[in-house]
Amino acid sequence: MKSLRITLGVAAIAIGSFAAFSFAPASSNAKVALLEFYVNPVDGSRGPQVTGTNDCSNVGTPICSAEYDTSTNMQTGNKIHKGVRQP
């Protein structure tokens, strides 16, 4: 009977510790990196990173470059430049 109480006590401590760490807040040190990349005109995929000023003509409808969130690899909807890249 005594060993059963010890076993249940240890199990309760383990479950309590697990629950405490499961609901702990996530680290706020995660930084979101927003960078501007050229967009591939054929399939809309992310191309090379824009360095300095972009080479987009800002004329026309296709998206030439856009800002991406590098943690999700998705466009943010900001800093969208249209046109054709003029290298």
N, C-alpha and C. Protein backbone atom coordinates (compact mmCIF):
# COMPACT_ATOMS: atom_id res chain seq x y z
N MET A 1 0.83 -1.20 0.00
CA MET A 1 0.00 0.00 0.00
C MET A 1 0.86 1.25 0.00
N LYS A 2 2.00 1.17 0.75
CA LYS A 2 2.88 2.32 0.81
C LYS A 2 3.52 2.59 -0.55
N SER A 3 3.89 1.54 -1.27
CA SER A 3 4.50 1.72 -2.59
C SER A 3 3.49 2.29 -3.59
N LEU A 4 2.22 1.95 -3.42
CA LEU A 4 1.19 2.50 -4.29
C LEU A 4 1.06 4.00 -4.08
N ARG A 5 1.11 4.47 -2.83
CA ARG A 5 1.05 5.90 -2.54
C ARG A 5 2.26 6.62 -3.11
N ILE A 6 3.42 6.02 -3.02
CA ILE A 6 4.63 6.64 -3.56
C ILE A 6 4.53 6.73 -5.09
N THR A 7 4.06 5.66 -5.71
CA THR A 7 3.90 5.65 -7.17
C THR A 7 2.90 6.71 -7.62
N LEU A 8 1.77 6.82 -6.92
CA LEU A 8 0.77 7.83 -7.27
C LEU A 8 1.30 9.23 -7.02
N GLY A 9 2.09 9.41 -5.98
CA GLY A 9 2.67 10.72 -5.70
C GLY A 9 3.64 11.15 -6.78
N VAL A 10 4.49 10.23 -7.20
CA VAL A 10 5.45 10.53 -8.27
C VAL A 10 4.70 10.83 -9.57
N ALA A 11 3.65 10.07 -9.87
CA ALA A 11 2.86 10.30 -11.08
C ALA A 11 2.19 11.67 -11.03
N ALA A 12 1.69 12.06 -9.87
CA ALA A 12 1.04 13.37 -9.75
C ALA A 12 2.05 14.50 -9.96
N ILE A 13 3.24 14.35 -9.42
CA ILE A 13 4.28 15.37 -9.63
C ILE A 13 4.65 15.46 -11.10
N ALA A 14 4.80 14.32 -11.75
CA ALA A 14 5.16 14.31 -13.18
C ALA A 14 4.07 14.95 -14.02
N ILE A 15 2.82 14.62 -13.74
CA ILE A 15 1.71 15.21 -14.51
C ILE A 15 1.62 16.70 -14.26
N GLY A 16 1.80 17.13 -13.01
CA GLY A 16 1.76 18.55 -12.69
C GLY A 16 2.87 19.33 -13.37
N SER A 17 4.06 18.76 -13.39
CA SER A 17 5.18 19.43 -14.06
C SER A 17 4.94 19.55 -15.55
N PHE A 18 4.43 18.49 -16.16
CA PHE A 18 4.14 18.51 -17.59
C PHE A 18 3.09 19.57 -17.90
N ALA A 19 2.03 19.62 -17.09
CA ALA A 19 0.96 20.59 -17.33
C ALA A 19 1.47 22.02 -17.18
N ALA A 20 2.34 22.25 -16.21
CA ALA A 20 2.86 23.60 -15.98
C ALA A 20 3.66 24.08 -17.18
N PHE A 21 4.48 23.21 -17.75
CA PHE A 21 5.30 23.61 -18.88
C PHE A 21 4.51 23.63 -20.19
N SER A 22 3.45 22.89 -20.27
CA SER A 22 2.63 22.87 -21.48
C SER A 22 1.91 24.19 -21.70
N PHE A 23 1.53 24.84 -20.62
CA PHE A 23 0.77 26.07 -20.73
C PHE A 23 1.61 27.31 -20.48
N ALA A 24 2.92 27.16 -20.42
CA ALA A 24 3.80 28.31 -20.24
C ALA A 24 3.76 29.16 -21.51
N PRO A 25 3.89 30.47 -21.38
CA PRO A 25 3.86 31.33 -22.58
C PRO A 25 5.07 31.08 -23.47
N ALA A 26 4.86 31.27 -24.74
CA ALA A 26 5.94 31.08 -25.71
C ALA A 26 6.95 32.20 -25.56
N SER A 27 8.14 31.95 -26.01
CA SER A 27 9.21 32.94 -25.93
C SER A 27 8.87 34.14 -26.83
N SER A 28 9.10 35.32 -26.32
CA SER A 28 8.84 36.51 -27.12
C SER A 28 10.09 36.99 -27.83
N ASN A 29 11.13 36.17 -27.82
CA ASN A 29 12.39 36.54 -28.48
C ASN A 29 12.35 36.30 -29.97
N ALA A 30 11.30 35.64 -30.47
CA ALA A 30 11.21 35.33 -31.90
C ALA A 30 11.01 36.63 -32.67
N LYS A 31 11.92 36.92 -33.55
CA LYS A 31 11.86 38.14 -34.36
C LYS A 31 11.31 37.79 -35.74
N VAL A 32 10.46 38.62 -36.26
CA VAL A 32 9.93 38.44 -37.60
C VAL A 32 10.84 39.19 -38.55
N ALA A 33 11.37 38.48 -39.52
CA ALA A 33 12.26 39.09 -40.50
C ALA A 33 11.46 39.39 -41.76
N LEU A 34 11.30 40.66 -42.05
CA LEU A 34 10.59 41.09 -43.26
C LEU A 34 11.61 41.58 -44.27
N LEU A 35 11.70 40.89 -45.38
CA LEU A 35 12.66 41.23 -46.43
C LEU A 35 11.95 41.32 -47.76
N GLU A 36 12.52 42.11 -48.66
CA GLU A 36 11.92 42.27 -49.99
C GLU A 36 12.62 41.33 -50.97
N PHE A 37 11.79 40.61 -51.75
CA PHE A 37 12.29 39.67 -52.74
C PHE A 37 11.63 39.94 -54.08
N TYR A 38 12.35 39.61 -55.15
CA TYR A 38 11.74 39.65 -56.48
C TYR A 38 10.78 38.47 -56.60
N VAL A 39 9.77 38.63 -57.44
CA VAL A 39 8.77 37.58 -57.65
C VAL A 39 8.96 37.01 -59.05
N ASN A 40 8.99 35.68 -59.15
CA ASN A 40 9.14 35.01 -60.43
C ASN A 40 7.89 35.26 -61.26
N PRO A 41 8.04 35.89 -62.44
CA PRO A 41 6.85 36.23 -63.25
C PRO A 41 6.14 35.02 -63.83
N VAL A 42 6.81 33.88 -63.92
CA VAL A 42 6.20 32.70 -64.52
C VAL A 42 5.21 32.04 -63.56
N ASP A 43 5.65 31.79 -62.31
CA ASP A 43 4.78 31.06 -61.38
C ASP A 43 4.46 31.82 -60.09
N GLY A 44 4.98 33.03 -59.93
CA GLY A 44 4.68 33.83 -58.73
C GLY A 44 5.46 33.44 -57.50
N SER A 45 6.46 32.56 -57.66
CA SER A 45 7.24 32.12 -56.51
C SER A 45 8.26 33.20 -56.13
N ARG A 46 8.83 33.05 -54.94
CA ARG A 46 9.80 34.01 -54.45
C ARG A 46 11.13 33.83 -55.16
N GLY A 47 11.70 34.93 -55.62
CA GLY A 47 12.97 34.90 -56.31
C GLY A 47 14.10 35.41 -55.43
N PRO A 48 15.14 35.99 -56.03
CA PRO A 48 16.27 36.48 -55.24
C PRO A 48 15.90 37.72 -54.42
N GLN A 49 16.66 37.94 -53.35
CA GLN A 49 16.41 39.07 -52.47
C GLN A 49 16.79 40.38 -53.16
N VAL A 50 15.99 41.42 -52.92
CA VAL A 50 16.27 42.75 -53.44
C VAL A 50 17.38 43.36 -52.57
N THR A 51 18.44 43.83 -53.22
CA THR A 51 19.51 44.51 -52.49
C THR A 51 19.53 45.96 -52.95
N GLY A 52 19.48 46.87 -52.00
CA GLY A 52 19.43 48.28 -52.36
C GLY A 52 18.05 48.63 -52.88
N THR A 53 18.00 49.42 -53.93
CA THR A 53 16.70 49.75 -54.54
C THR A 53 16.35 48.68 -55.55
N ASN A 54 15.05 48.44 -55.71
CA ASN A 54 14.64 47.38 -56.64
C ASN A 54 14.76 47.87 -58.08
N ASP A 55 14.80 46.92 -58.99
CA ASP A 55 14.95 47.21 -60.42
C ASP A 55 13.63 47.12 -61.16
N CYS A 56 12.52 47.37 -60.48
CA CYS A 56 11.20 47.25 -61.11
C CYS A 56 10.83 48.55 -61.81
N SER A 57 10.12 48.41 -62.92
CA SER A 57 9.76 49.60 -63.71
C SER A 57 8.55 50.34 -63.14
N ASN A 58 7.78 49.70 -62.23
CA ASN A 58 6.56 50.28 -61.65
C ASN A 58 5.54 50.66 -62.71
N VAL A 59 5.55 49.93 -63.83
CA VAL A 59 4.58 50.13 -64.91
C VAL A 59 4.03 48.76 -65.26
N GLY A 60 2.72 48.65 -65.32
CA GLY A 60 2.11 47.38 -65.69
C GLY A 60 1.46 46.70 -64.49
N THR A 61 0.97 45.49 -64.72
CA THR A 61 0.23 44.80 -63.68
C THR A 61 0.96 43.66 -62.97
N PRO A 62 1.94 42.99 -63.59
CA PRO A 62 2.53 41.87 -62.85
C PRO A 62 3.33 42.37 -61.64
N ILE A 63 3.33 41.58 -60.58
CA ILE A 63 4.12 41.94 -59.40
C ILE A 63 5.58 41.65 -59.68
N CYS A 64 6.42 42.64 -59.48
CA CYS A 64 7.86 42.51 -59.73
C CYS A 64 8.60 42.14 -58.45
N SER A 65 8.28 42.82 -57.34
CA SER A 65 8.90 42.50 -56.06
C SER A 65 7.90 42.77 -54.95
N ALA A 66 8.09 42.08 -53.84
CA ALA A 66 7.17 42.22 -52.71
C ALA A 66 7.91 41.88 -51.42
N GLU A 67 7.37 42.37 -50.32
CA GLU A 67 7.93 42.08 -49.00
C GLU A 67 7.42 40.72 -48.53
N TYR A 68 8.33 39.91 -47.98
CA TYR A 68 8.00 38.58 -47.48
C TYR A 68 8.34 38.47 -46.01
N ASP A 69 7.54 37.71 -45.29
CA ASP A 69 7.86 37.32 -43.91
C ASP A 69 8.67 36.03 -44.04
N THR A 70 9.95 36.08 -43.69
CA THR A 70 10.82 34.92 -43.92
C THR A 70 10.53 33.76 -42.97
N SER A 71 9.78 34.01 -41.89
CA SER A 71 9.46 32.89 -41.00
C SER A 71 8.31 32.05 -41.56
N THR A 72 7.46 32.65 -42.41
CA THR A 72 6.35 31.91 -43.00
C THR A 72 6.50 31.75 -44.52
N ASN A 73 7.44 32.47 -45.11
CA ASN A 73 7.65 32.49 -46.57
C ASN A 73 6.41 32.95 -47.33
N MET A 74 5.65 33.85 -46.71
CA MET A 74 4.45 34.39 -47.33
C MET A 74 4.61 35.89 -47.54
N GLN A 75 3.95 36.42 -48.58
CA GLN A 75 3.96 37.86 -48.83
C GLN A 75 3.19 38.56 -47.72
N THR A 76 3.68 39.74 -47.32
CA THR A 76 3.00 40.50 -46.27
C THR A 76 1.94 41.43 -46.85
N GLY A 77 1.99 41.71 -48.14
CA GLY A 77 1.06 42.65 -48.75
C GLY A 77 1.60 44.08 -48.75
N ASN A 78 2.79 44.27 -48.20
CA ASN A 78 3.43 45.58 -48.16
C ASN A 78 4.57 45.64 -49.17
N LYS A 79 4.97 46.83 -49.52
CA LYS A 79 6.10 47.07 -50.44
C LYS A 79 5.97 46.26 -51.72
N ILE A 80 4.80 46.30 -52.31
CA ILE A 80 4.59 45.60 -53.59
C ILE A 80 4.93 46.55 -54.72
N HIS A 81 5.84 46.13 -55.59
CA HIS A 81 6.22 46.91 -56.77
C HIS A 81 5.79 46.13 -58.00
N LYS A 82 5.11 46.80 -58.89
CA LYS A 82 4.62 46.13 -60.10
C LYS A 82 5.49 46.47 -61.28
N GLY A 83 5.30 45.75 -62.34
CA GLY A 83 6.06 45.99 -63.56
C GLY A 83 7.00 44.86 -63.87
N VAL A 84 8.00 45.16 -64.69
CA VAL A 84 8.98 44.17 -65.13
C VAL A 84 10.33 44.59 -64.60
N ARG A 85 11.10 43.63 -64.17
CA ARG A 85 12.44 43.92 -63.64
C ARG A 85 13.35 44.40 -64.76
N GLN A 86 14.02 45.52 -64.52
CA GLN A 86 14.93 46.12 -65.49
C GLN A 86 16.37 46.03 -64.97
N PRO A 87 17.04 44.89 -65.19
CA PRO A 87 18.42 44.77 -64.66
C PRO A 87 19.42 45.66 -65.35
